[in-house]
Amino acid sequence: MAEAFAIPATTAVVTGAAGGIGRALAERLISEGAARVVVTDRDPDAVKAVAAELGERAHAMAFDVTDEDAVASAVETIEDTHGAIDLWCSNAGVARGRGLGDDTDWDMSWRVHVLAHIYVARALFPRMAERGRGHLLVTASAAGLLTQLDTAPYSVTKHGAVALAEWLAIRHADEGINVSCLCPQGVNTPMTAGDDGTSATRLGGAYIEPEDVAESVVAALHTGRFLILPHPEAADYELRRVTDRDRWISGMRRALAKIRGAAAQRS
């Protein structure tokens, strides 16, 4: 288990903060006493609105997490303006590609769900290592531990996010850098607004609110836990998957048949 992270008086950055989990994280960090929270997204108007709503300790910045130069520039600008970054919540996400998707779906999913985390580690970890402290939160998904039946690009790249977070946690702990990995199941966000009874995510049970996810993150930061599961049952599902993968695959095939049956009844 990594060291506990103290939120008060920190400078935190939250990507994908225009809404959903990102906005809830930013709001909760401020309520926990963070001195400064930089809320970021690609849409400058959206992050300005969020920062205005959150108050004087919130600061807006727009950049594209899939642009390595933009990420490096953002790290430099934030540290020059607000001081050392203590916590970076690498939270941006996309839902692209039904089934196998197309090459554009795979490219965007890979860039947002894997490369974005790599880019911030390249830019920020040397600075954190020099200070001997820092924390990176990678938002993955329970899809990265299990299987999201609706979309291969999402499921596969979220598996990549989990694997990368584990690798970073192992490689950089001796430098004083801690890493945690957030893996929720269904959450009521704009990304899931169109989910219905034929969505595979609904198989995991009731959706929770972004504020519930933020609560789980804060609790995990206080204890230094790596894997953050706002839906605790995801741990049981993952255990079933790794202990008997053939049985897991058979069960997921039955789940897929159930989804297809529900879709057929709607059509």
C-alpha atoms as a PDB file:
ATOM      1  CA  MET A   1       0.000   0.000   0.000  1.00  0.00           C
ATOM      2  CA  ALA A   2       1.255   3.461  -0.904  1.00  0.00           C
ATOM      3  CA  GLU A   3       1.543   6.344   1.538  1.00  0.00           C
ATOM      4  CA  ALA A   4      -1.597   8.257   2.461  1.00  0.00           C
ATOM      5  CA  PHE A   5      -2.097  11.522   0.594  1.00  0.00           C
ATOM      6  CA  ALA A   6      -2.958  14.704   2.488  1.00  0.00           C
ATOM      7  CA  ILE A   7      -5.316  16.873   0.432  1.00  0.00           C
ATOM      8  CA  PRO A   8      -5.297  20.169   2.380  1.00  0.00           C
ATOM      9  CA  ALA A   9      -2.991  22.879   1.005  1.00  0.00           C
ATOM     10  CA  THR A  10      -2.234  20.931  -2.164  1.00  0.00           C
ATOM     11  CA  THR A  11      -2.222  22.004  -5.784  1.00  0.00           C
ATOM     12  CA  ALA A  12      -4.300  19.523  -7.780  1.00  0.00           C
ATOM     13  CA  VAL A  13      -5.081  19.188 -11.474  1.00  0.00           C
ATOM     14  CA  VAL A  14      -8.173  17.402 -12.798  1.00  0.00           C
ATOM     15  CA  THR A  15      -8.475  16.617 -16.499  1.00  0.00           C
ATOM     16  CA  GLY A  16     -11.843  15.953 -18.101  1.00  0.00           C
ATOM     17  CA  ALA A  17     -13.309  18.303 -15.497  1.00  0.00           C
ATOM     18  CA  ALA A  18     -16.008  19.947 -17.620  1.00  0.00           C
ATOM     19  CA  GLY A  19     -18.574  17.531 -16.167  1.00  0.00           C
ATOM     20  CA  GLY A  20     -19.227  14.090 -14.724  1.00  0.00           C
ATOM     21  CA  ILE A  21     -16.589  12.444 -12.543  1.00  0.00           C
ATOM     22  CA  GLY A  22     -13.987  15.127 -13.269  1.00  0.00           C
ATOM     23  CA  ARG A  23     -16.175  17.961 -12.062  1.00  0.00           C
ATOM     24  CA  ALA A  24     -17.182  16.001  -8.973  1.00  0.00           C
ATOM     25  CA  LEU A  25     -13.525  15.287  -8.188  1.00  0.00           C
ATOM     26  CA  ALA A  26     -12.615  18.962  -8.492  1.00  0.00           C
ATOM     27  CA  GLU A  27     -15.496  20.013  -6.260  1.00  0.00           C
ATOM     28  CA  ARG A  28     -14.666  17.409  -3.625  1.00  0.00           C
ATOM     29  CA  LEU A  29     -10.957  18.291  -3.579  1.00  0.00           C
ATOM     30  CA  ILE A  30     -11.859  21.910  -2.924  1.00  0.00           C
ATOM     31  CA  SER A  31     -14.234  20.899  -0.133  1.00  0.00           C
ATOM     32  CA  GLU A  32     -11.424  18.784   1.367  1.00  0.00           C
ATOM     33  CA  GLY A  33      -9.197  21.859   1.585  1.00  0.00           C
ATOM     34  CA  ALA A  34      -7.085  21.815  -1.574  1.00  0.00           C
ATOM     35  CA  ALA A  35      -5.461  25.218  -1.929  1.00  0.00           C
ATOM     36  CA  ARG A  36      -5.746  25.246  -5.710  1.00  0.00           C
ATOM     37  CA  VAL A  37      -7.541  22.985  -8.180  1.00  0.00           C
ATOM     38  CA  VAL A  38      -6.852  23.464 -11.881  1.00  0.00           C
ATOM     39  CA  VAL A  39      -9.877  22.231 -13.827  1.00  0.00           C
ATOM     40  CA  THR A  40      -9.031  21.280 -17.387  1.00  0.00           C
ATOM     41  CA  ASP A  41     -10.768  20.064 -20.512  1.00  0.00           C
ATOM     42  CA  ARG A  42     -10.631  20.729 -24.250  1.00  0.00           C
ATOM     43  CA  ASP A  43     -13.561  23.158 -24.107  1.00  0.00           C
ATOM     44  CA  PRO A  44     -12.356  26.505 -22.681  1.00  0.00           C
ATOM     45  CA  ASP A  45     -15.863  27.855 -22.092  1.00  0.00           C
ATOM     46  CA  ALA A  46     -16.921  24.730 -20.202  1.00  0.00           C
ATOM     47  CA  VAL A  47     -13.936  24.743 -17.821  1.00  0.00           C
ATOM     48  CA  LYS A  48     -14.282  28.479 -17.232  1.00  0.00           C
ATOM     49  CA  ALA A  49     -17.883  27.898 -16.212  1.00  0.00           C
ATOM     50  CA  VAL A  50     -16.912  25.063 -13.859  1.00  0.00           C
ATOM     51  CA  ALA A  51     -14.116  27.121 -12.287  1.00  0.00           C
ATOM     52  CA  ALA A  52     -16.500  30.036 -11.759  1.00  0.00           C
ATOM     53  CA  GLU A  53     -19.001  27.739 -10.045  1.00  0.00           C
ATOM     54  CA  LEU A  54     -16.362  26.207  -7.780  1.00  0.00           C
ATOM     55  CA  GLY A  55     -14.972  29.499  -6.527  1.00  0.00           C
ATOM     56  CA  GLU A  56     -11.712  31.344  -6.174  1.00  0.00           C
ATOM     57  CA  ARG A  57      -9.574  28.257  -5.478  1.00  0.00           C
ATOM     58  CA  ALA A  58     -10.540  26.752  -8.861  1.00  0.00           C
ATOM     59  CA  HIS A  59      -8.599  27.774 -11.955  1.00  0.00           C
ATOM     60  CA  ALA A  60      -9.530  26.970 -15.557  1.00  0.00           C
ATOM     61  CA  MET A  61      -7.156  25.738 -18.251  1.00  0.00           C
ATOM     62  CA  ALA A  62      -8.039  24.297 -21.653  1.00  0.00           C
ATOM     63  CA  PHE A  63      -5.773  21.843 -23.436  1.00  0.00           C
ATOM     64  CA  ASP A  64      -5.902  18.503 -25.237  1.00  0.00           C
ATOM     65  CA  VAL A  65      -4.590  15.594 -23.135  1.00  0.00           C
ATOM     66  CA  THR A  66      -3.764  13.670 -26.331  1.00  0.00           C
ATOM     67  CA  ASP A  67      -1.257  16.365 -27.412  1.00  0.00           C
ATOM     68  CA  GLU A  68       2.046  15.645 -25.666  1.00  0.00           C
ATOM     69  CA  ASP A  69       3.424  19.140 -26.231  1.00  0.00           C
ATOM     70  CA  ALA A  70       0.232  20.667 -24.826  1.00  0.00           C
ATOM     71  CA  VAL A  71       0.436  18.456 -21.728  1.00  0.00           C
ATOM     72  CA  ALA A  72       4.093  19.361 -21.141  1.00  0.00           C
ATOM     73  CA  SER A  73       3.295  23.043 -21.597  1.00  0.00           C
ATOM     74  CA  ALA A  74       0.357  22.794 -19.183  1.00  0.00           C
ATOM     75  CA  VAL A  75       2.538  21.173 -16.508  1.00  0.00           C
ATOM     76  CA  GLU A  76       5.130  23.917 -16.857  1.00  0.00           C
ATOM     77  CA  THR A  77       2.548  26.714 -16.841  1.00  0.00           C
ATOM     78  CA  ILE A  78       0.671  25.347 -13.836  1.00  0.00           C
ATOM     79  CA  GLU A  79       3.839  24.917 -11.778  1.00  0.00           C
ATOM     80  CA  ASP A  80       5.102  28.366 -12.734  1.00  0.00           C
ATOM     81  CA  THR A  81       1.755  29.933 -11.845  1.00  0.00           C
ATOM     82  CA  HIS A  82       0.440  27.876  -8.929  1.00  0.00           C
ATOM     83  CA  GLY A  83       3.455  26.045  -7.551  1.00  0.00           C
ATOM     84  CA  ALA A  84       4.331  22.376  -7.428  1.00  0.00           C
ATOM     85  CA  ILE A  85       1.618  19.980  -8.586  1.00  0.00           C
ATOM     86  CA  ASP A  86       0.915  17.566  -5.742  1.00  0.00           C
ATOM     87  CA  LEU A  87      -1.928  15.593  -7.329  1.00  0.00           C
ATOM     88  CA  TRP A  88      -2.790  15.034 -10.986  1.00  0.00           C
ATOM     89  CA  CYS A  89      -6.130  13.349 -11.679  1.00  0.00           C
ATOM     90  CA  SER A  90      -5.762  11.961 -15.205  1.00  0.00           C
ATOM     91  CA  ASN A  91      -9.461  11.579 -15.724  1.00  0.00           C
ATOM     92  CA  ALA A  92     -10.382  12.386 -19.345  1.00  0.00           C
ATOM     93  CA  GLY A  93     -12.278   9.636 -21.148  1.00  0.00           C
ATOM     94  CA  VAL A  94     -14.219   8.894 -24.314  1.00  0.00           C
ATOM     95  CA  ALA A  95     -16.804   6.305 -25.341  1.00  0.00           C
ATOM     96  CA  ARG A  96     -16.077   5.466 -28.959  1.00  0.00           C
ATOM     97  CA  GLY A  97     -16.884   2.527 -31.213  1.00  0.00           C
ATOM     98  CA  ARG A  98     -19.639  -0.057 -31.102  1.00  0.00           C
ATOM     99  CA  GLY A  99     -18.452  -3.618 -31.496  1.00  0.00           C
ATOM    100  CA  LEU A 100     -14.970  -3.633 -33.007  1.00  0.00           C
ATOM    101  CA  GLY A 101     -15.305   0.015 -33.980  1.00  0.00           C
ATOM    102  CA  ASP A 102     -13.205   1.588 -36.702  1.00  0.00           C
ATOM    103  CA  ASP A 103      -9.628   2.827 -36.804  1.00  0.00           C
ATOM    104  CA  THR A 104     -10.658   6.312 -35.681  1.00  0.00           C
ATOM    105  CA  ASP A 105     -12.376   4.837 -32.609  1.00  0.00           C
ATOM    106  CA  TRP A 106      -9.283   2.833 -31.721  1.00  0.00           C
ATOM    107  CA  ASP A 107      -6.938   5.765 -32.270  1.00  0.00           C
ATOM    108  CA  MET A 108      -8.936   8.164 -30.109  1.00  0.00           C
ATOM    109  CA  SER A 109      -9.538   5.597 -27.363  1.00  0.00           C
ATOM    110  CA  TRP A 110      -5.841   4.718 -27.264  1.00  0.00           C
ATOM    111  CA  ARG A 111      -4.809   8.354 -27.145  1.00  0.00           C
ATOM    112  CA  VAL A 112      -7.201   9.340 -24.371  1.00  0.00           C
ATOM    113  CA  HIS A 113      -7.126   6.191 -22.239  1.00  0.00           C
ATOM    114  CA  VAL A 114      -3.433   5.298 -22.463  1.00  0.00           C
ATOM    115  CA  LEU A 115      -1.224   7.898 -24.128  1.00  0.00           C
ATOM    116  CA  ALA A 116      -2.661  10.777 -22.071  1.00  0.00           C
ATOM    117  CA  HIS A 117      -1.438   9.081 -18.888  1.00  0.00           C
ATOM    118  CA  ILE A 118       1.964   8.438 -20.450  1.00  0.00           C
ATOM    119  CA  TYR A 119       2.287  12.065 -21.518  1.00  0.00           C
ATOM    120  CA  VAL A 120       1.625  13.422 -18.043  1.00  0.00           C
ATOM    121  CA  ALA A 121       4.003  10.892 -16.470  1.00  0.00           C
ATOM    122  CA  ARG A 122       6.757  11.966 -18.860  1.00  0.00           C
ATOM    123  CA  ALA A 123       6.194  15.648 -18.126  1.00  0.00           C
ATOM    124  CA  LEU A 124       5.413  15.556 -14.407  1.00  0.00           C
ATOM    125  CA  PHE A 125       7.197  12.588 -12.858  1.00  0.00           C
ATOM    126  CA  PRO A 126      10.731  14.026 -13.186  1.00  0.00           C
ATOM    127  CA  ARG A 127       9.537  17.101 -11.291  1.00  0.00           C
ATOM    128  CA  MET A 128       7.813  15.003  -8.634  1.00  0.00           C
ATOM    129  CA  ALA A 129      10.871  12.755  -8.320  1.00  0.00           C
ATOM    130  CA  GLU A 130      13.103  15.774  -7.748  1.00  0.00           C
ATOM    131  CA  ARG A 131      10.793  16.884  -4.928  1.00  0.00           C
ATOM    132  CA  GLY A 132      10.415  13.328  -3.630  1.00  0.00           C
ATOM    133  CA  ARG A 133       6.626  13.495  -3.557  1.00  0.00           C
ATOM    134  CA  GLY A 134       3.545  13.494  -5.758  1.00  0.00           C
ATOM    135  CA  HIS A 135       0.492  11.492  -6.693  1.00  0.00           C
ATOM    136  CA  LEU A 136      -1.076  10.449 -10.001  1.00  0.00           C
ATOM    137  CA  LEU A 137      -4.662   9.235 -10.152  1.00  0.00           C
ATOM    138  CA  VAL A 138      -5.469   7.296 -13.330  1.00  0.00           C
ATOM    139  CA  THR A 139      -9.163   7.012 -14.110  1.00  0.00           C
ATOM    140  CA  ALA A 140      -9.634   3.651 -15.804  1.00  0.00           C
ATOM    141  CA  SER A 141     -12.867   1.659 -15.470  1.00  0.00           C
ATOM    142  CA  ALA A 142     -14.194  -1.651 -14.208  1.00  0.00           C
ATOM    143  CA  ALA A 143     -14.116  -2.439 -17.939  1.00  0.00           C
ATOM    144  CA  GLY A 144     -10.331  -2.462 -17.527  1.00  0.00           C
ATOM    145  CA  LEU A 145     -10.623  -5.245 -14.957  1.00  0.00           C
ATOM    146  CA  LEU A 146     -13.481  -7.156 -16.578  1.00  0.00           C
ATOM    147  CA  THR A 147     -15.050  -6.870 -20.055  1.00  0.00           C
ATOM    148  CA  GLN A 148     -17.278  -4.205 -21.620  1.00  0.00           C
ATOM    149  CA  LEU A 149     -19.346  -6.167 -24.111  1.00  0.00           C
ATOM    150  CA  ASP A 150     -20.586  -3.210 -26.156  1.00  0.00           C
ATOM    151  CA  THR A 151     -17.275  -1.797 -27.328  1.00  0.00           C
ATOM    152  CA  ALA A 152     -13.857  -3.347 -27.904  1.00  0.00           C
ATOM    153  CA  PRO A 153     -11.974  -0.015 -28.211  1.00  0.00           C
ATOM    154  CA  TYR A 154     -13.177   1.112 -24.787  1.00  0.00           C
ATOM    155  CA  SER A 155     -12.663  -2.220 -23.040  1.00  0.00           C
ATOM    156  CA  VAL A 156      -9.202  -2.919 -24.433  1.00  0.00           C
ATOM    157  CA  THR A 157      -7.789   0.555 -23.868  1.00  0.00           C
ATOM    158  CA  LYS A 158      -9.152   0.650 -20.319  1.00  0.00           C
ATOM    159  CA  HIS A 159      -7.306  -2.609 -19.693  1.00  0.00           C
ATOM    160  CA  GLY A 160      -4.256  -0.765 -20.963  1.00  0.00           C
ATOM    161  CA  ALA A 161      -4.886   2.072 -18.505  1.00  0.00           C
ATOM    162  CA  VAL A 162      -4.997  -0.370 -15.568  1.00  0.00           C
ATOM    163  CA  ALA A 163      -1.803  -2.097 -16.706  1.00  0.00           C
ATOM    164  CA  LEU A 164      -0.029   1.227 -17.149  1.00  0.00           C
ATOM    165  CA  ALA A 165      -1.121   2.454 -13.711  1.00  0.00           C
ATOM    166  CA  GLU A 166       0.236  -0.734 -12.121  1.00  0.00           C
ATOM    167  CA  TRP A 167       3.529  -0.356 -14.002  1.00  0.00           C
ATOM    168  CA  LEU A 168       3.908   3.267 -12.928  1.00  0.00           C
ATOM    169  CA  ALA A 169       3.062   2.410  -9.317  1.00  0.00           C
ATOM    170  CA  ILE A 170       5.794  -0.219  -9.242  1.00  0.00           C
ATOM    171  CA  ARG A 171       8.479   1.739 -11.079  1.00  0.00           C
ATOM    172  CA  HIS A 172       8.168   5.097  -9.335  1.00  0.00           C
ATOM    173  CA  ALA A 173       7.334   4.332  -5.696  1.00  0.00           C
ATOM    174  CA  ASP A 174      10.992   4.640  -4.661  1.00  0.00           C
ATOM    175  CA  GLU A 175      10.971   8.204  -6.001  1.00  0.00           C
ATOM    176  CA  GLY A 176       8.161   9.177  -3.643  1.00  0.00           C
ATOM    177  CA  ILE A 177       5.548   9.115  -6.400  1.00  0.00           C
ATOM    178  CA  ASN A 178       2.333   7.278  -5.630  1.00  0.00           C
ATOM    179  CA  VAL A 179      -0.163   6.084  -8.230  1.00  0.00           C
ATOM    180  CA  SER A 180      -3.768   5.000  -7.822  1.00  0.00           C
ATOM    181  CA  CYS A 181      -6.229   3.577 -10.328  1.00  0.00           C
ATOM    182  CA  LEU A 182      -9.933   4.396 -10.326  1.00  0.00           C
ATOM    183  CA  CYS A 183     -12.209   1.672 -11.724  1.00  0.00           C
ATOM    184  CA  PRO A 184     -15.924   2.454 -11.418  1.00  0.00           C
ATOM    185  CA  GLN A 185     -18.738   0.559 -13.079  1.00  0.00           C
ATOM    186  CA  GLY A 186     -21.828   2.505 -14.186  1.00  0.00           C
ATOM    187  CA  VAL A 187     -21.894   6.197 -13.239  1.00  0.00           C
ATOM    188  CA  ASN A 188     -24.561   8.754 -14.143  1.00  0.00           C
ATOM    189  CA  THR A 189     -22.597  11.098 -16.403  1.00  0.00           C
ATOM    190  CA  PRO A 190     -23.165  12.668 -19.826  1.00  0.00           C
ATOM    191  CA  MET A 191     -21.176   9.745 -21.282  1.00  0.00           C
ATOM    192  CA  THR A 192     -23.746   7.216 -20.018  1.00  0.00           C
ATOM    193  CA  ALA A 193     -26.870   9.344 -20.510  1.00  0.00           C
ATOM    194  CA  GLY A 194     -27.992   7.240 -23.466  1.00  0.00           C
ATOM    195  CA  ASP A 195     -27.591   3.871 -21.736  1.00  0.00           C
ATOM    196  CA  ASP A 196     -30.733   1.746 -21.645  1.00  0.00           C
ATOM    197  CA  GLY A 197     -31.665  -1.851 -20.897  1.00  0.00           C
ATOM    198  CA  THR A 198     -29.563  -3.034 -23.832  1.00  0.00           C
ATOM    199  CA  SER A 199     -26.346  -1.463 -22.506  1.00  0.00           C
ATOM    200  CA  ALA A 200     -23.827  -3.979 -21.176  1.00  0.00           C
ATOM    201  CA  THR A 201     -22.876  -1.607 -18.373  1.00  0.00           C
ATOM    202  CA  ARG A 202     -26.362  -2.047 -16.924  1.00  0.00           C
ATOM    203  CA  LEU A 203     -25.470  -5.676 -16.184  1.00  0.00           C
ATOM    204  CA  GLY A 204     -23.303  -4.410 -13.316  1.00  0.00           C
ATOM    205  CA  GLY A 205     -26.321  -3.114 -11.416  1.00  0.00           C
ATOM    206  CA  ALA A 206     -27.414   0.335 -10.361  1.00  0.00           C
ATOM    207  CA  TYR A 207     -25.511   3.368 -11.567  1.00  0.00           C
ATOM    208  CA  ILE A 208     -24.040   5.654  -8.925  1.00  0.00           C
ATOM    209  CA  GLU A 209     -23.498   9.412  -8.945  1.00  0.00           C
ATOM    210  CA  PRO A 210     -20.204  11.179  -9.739  1.00  0.00           C
ATOM    211  CA  GLU A 211     -20.166  12.459  -6.159  1.00  0.00           C
ATOM    212  CA  ASP A 212     -20.117   8.843  -4.932  1.00  0.00           C
ATOM    213  CA  VAL A 213     -17.039   8.223  -7.073  1.00  0.00           C
ATOM    214  CA  ALA A 214     -15.351  11.315  -5.661  1.00  0.00           C
ATOM    215  CA  GLU A 215     -16.073  10.052  -2.149  1.00  0.00           C
ATOM    216  CA  SER A 216     -14.356   6.749  -2.963  1.00  0.00           C
ATOM    217  CA  VAL A 217     -11.338   8.590  -4.369  1.00  0.00           C
ATOM    218  CA  VAL A 218     -10.928  10.749  -1.262  1.00  0.00           C
ATOM    219  CA  ALA A 219     -11.212   7.709   1.001  1.00  0.00           C
ATOM    220  CA  ALA A 220      -8.568   5.873  -1.024  1.00  0.00           C
ATOM    221  CA  LEU A 221      -6.213   8.867  -1.005  1.00  0.00           C
ATOM    222  CA  HIS A 222      -6.477   9.008   2.789  1.00  0.00           C
ATOM    223  CA  THR A 223      -5.482   5.341   3.085  1.00  0.00           C
ATOM    224  CA  GLY A 224      -2.981   5.120   0.205  1.00  0.00           C
ATOM    225  CA  ARG A 225      -4.919   2.398  -1.614  1.00  0.00           C
ATOM    226  CA  PHE A 226      -3.945   1.714  -5.241  1.00  0.00           C
ATOM    227  CA  LEU A 227      -7.148   0.213  -6.663  1.00  0.00           C
ATOM    228  CA  ILE A 228     -10.237   2.361  -6.113  1.00  0.00           C
ATOM    229  CA  LEU A 229     -13.540   0.532  -6.579  1.00  0.00           C
ATOM    230  CA  PRO A 230     -16.612   2.738  -6.079  1.00  0.00           C
ATOM    231  CA  HIS A 231     -18.591  -0.445  -6.831  1.00  0.00           C
ATOM    232  CA  PRO A 232     -17.017  -2.921  -4.344  1.00  0.00           C
ATOM    233  CA  GLU A 233     -18.648  -5.875  -6.118  1.00  0.00           C
ATOM    234  CA  ALA A 234     -16.218  -5.346  -9.003  1.00  0.00           C
ATOM    235  CA  ALA A 235     -13.577  -7.036  -6.848  1.00  0.00           C
ATOM    236  CA  ASP A 236     -15.713 -10.188  -6.646  1.00  0.00           C
ATOM    237  CA  TYR A 237     -16.301 -10.132 -10.394  1.00  0.00           C
ATOM    238  CA  GLU A 238     -12.586  -9.795 -11.075  1.00  0.00           C
ATOM    239  CA  LEU A 239     -11.805 -12.653  -8.708  1.00  0.00           C
ATOM    240  CA  ARG A 240     -14.257 -14.919 -10.542  1.00  0.00           C
ATOM    241  CA  ARG A 241     -12.693 -13.920 -13.839  1.00  0.00           C
ATOM    242  CA  VAL A 242      -9.112 -14.722 -12.852  1.00  0.00           C
ATOM    243  CA  THR A 243      -9.865 -17.939 -10.968  1.00  0.00           C
ATOM    244  CA  ASP A 244     -11.899 -19.567 -13.742  1.00  0.00           C
ATOM    245  CA  ARG A 245     -11.621 -17.666 -17.001  1.00  0.00           C
ATOM    246  CA  ASP A 246     -13.490 -20.278 -19.031  1.00  0.00           C
ATOM    247  CA  ARG A 247     -16.463 -20.027 -16.693  1.00  0.00           C
ATOM    248  CA  TRP A 248     -16.245 -16.224 -16.854  1.00  0.00           C
ATOM    249  CA  ILE A 249     -16.303 -16.246 -20.659  1.00  0.00           C
ATOM    250  CA  SER A 250     -19.286 -18.618 -20.656  1.00  0.00           C
ATOM    251  CA  GLY A 251     -21.123 -16.350 -18.259  1.00  0.00           C
ATOM    252  CA  MET A 252     -20.384 -13.286 -20.381  1.00  0.00           C
ATOM    253  CA  ARG A 253     -21.686 -15.111 -23.452  1.00  0.00           C
ATOM    254  CA  ARG A 254     -24.950 -15.701 -21.609  1.00  0.00           C
ATOM    255  CA  ALA A 255     -25.033 -12.032 -20.646  1.00  0.00           C
ATOM    256  CA  LEU A 256     -24.496 -11.050 -24.277  1.00  0.00           C
ATOM    257  CA  ALA A 257     -27.382 -13.279 -25.334  1.00  0.00           C
ATOM    258  CA  LYS A 258     -29.572 -11.556 -22.742  1.00  0.00           C
ATOM    259  CA  ILE A 259     -28.621  -8.132 -24.101  1.00  0.00           C
ATOM    260  CA  ARG A 260     -29.327  -9.218 -27.683  1.00  0.00           C
ATOM    261  CA  GLY A 261     -32.693 -10.583 -26.617  1.00  0.00           C
ATOM    262  CA  ALA A 262     -33.616  -7.293 -24.944  1.00  0.00           C
ATOM    263  CA  ALA A 263     -32.521  -5.393 -28.057  1.00  0.00           C
ATOM    264  CA  ALA A 264     -34.607  -7.654 -30.290  1.00  0.00           C
ATOM    265  CA  GLN A 265     -37.705  -7.015 -28.176  1.00  0.00           C
ATOM    266  CA  ARG A 266     -37.201  -3.263 -28.498  1.00  0.00           C
ATOM    267  CA  SER A 267     -36.847  -3.361 -32.279  1.00  0.00           C
END
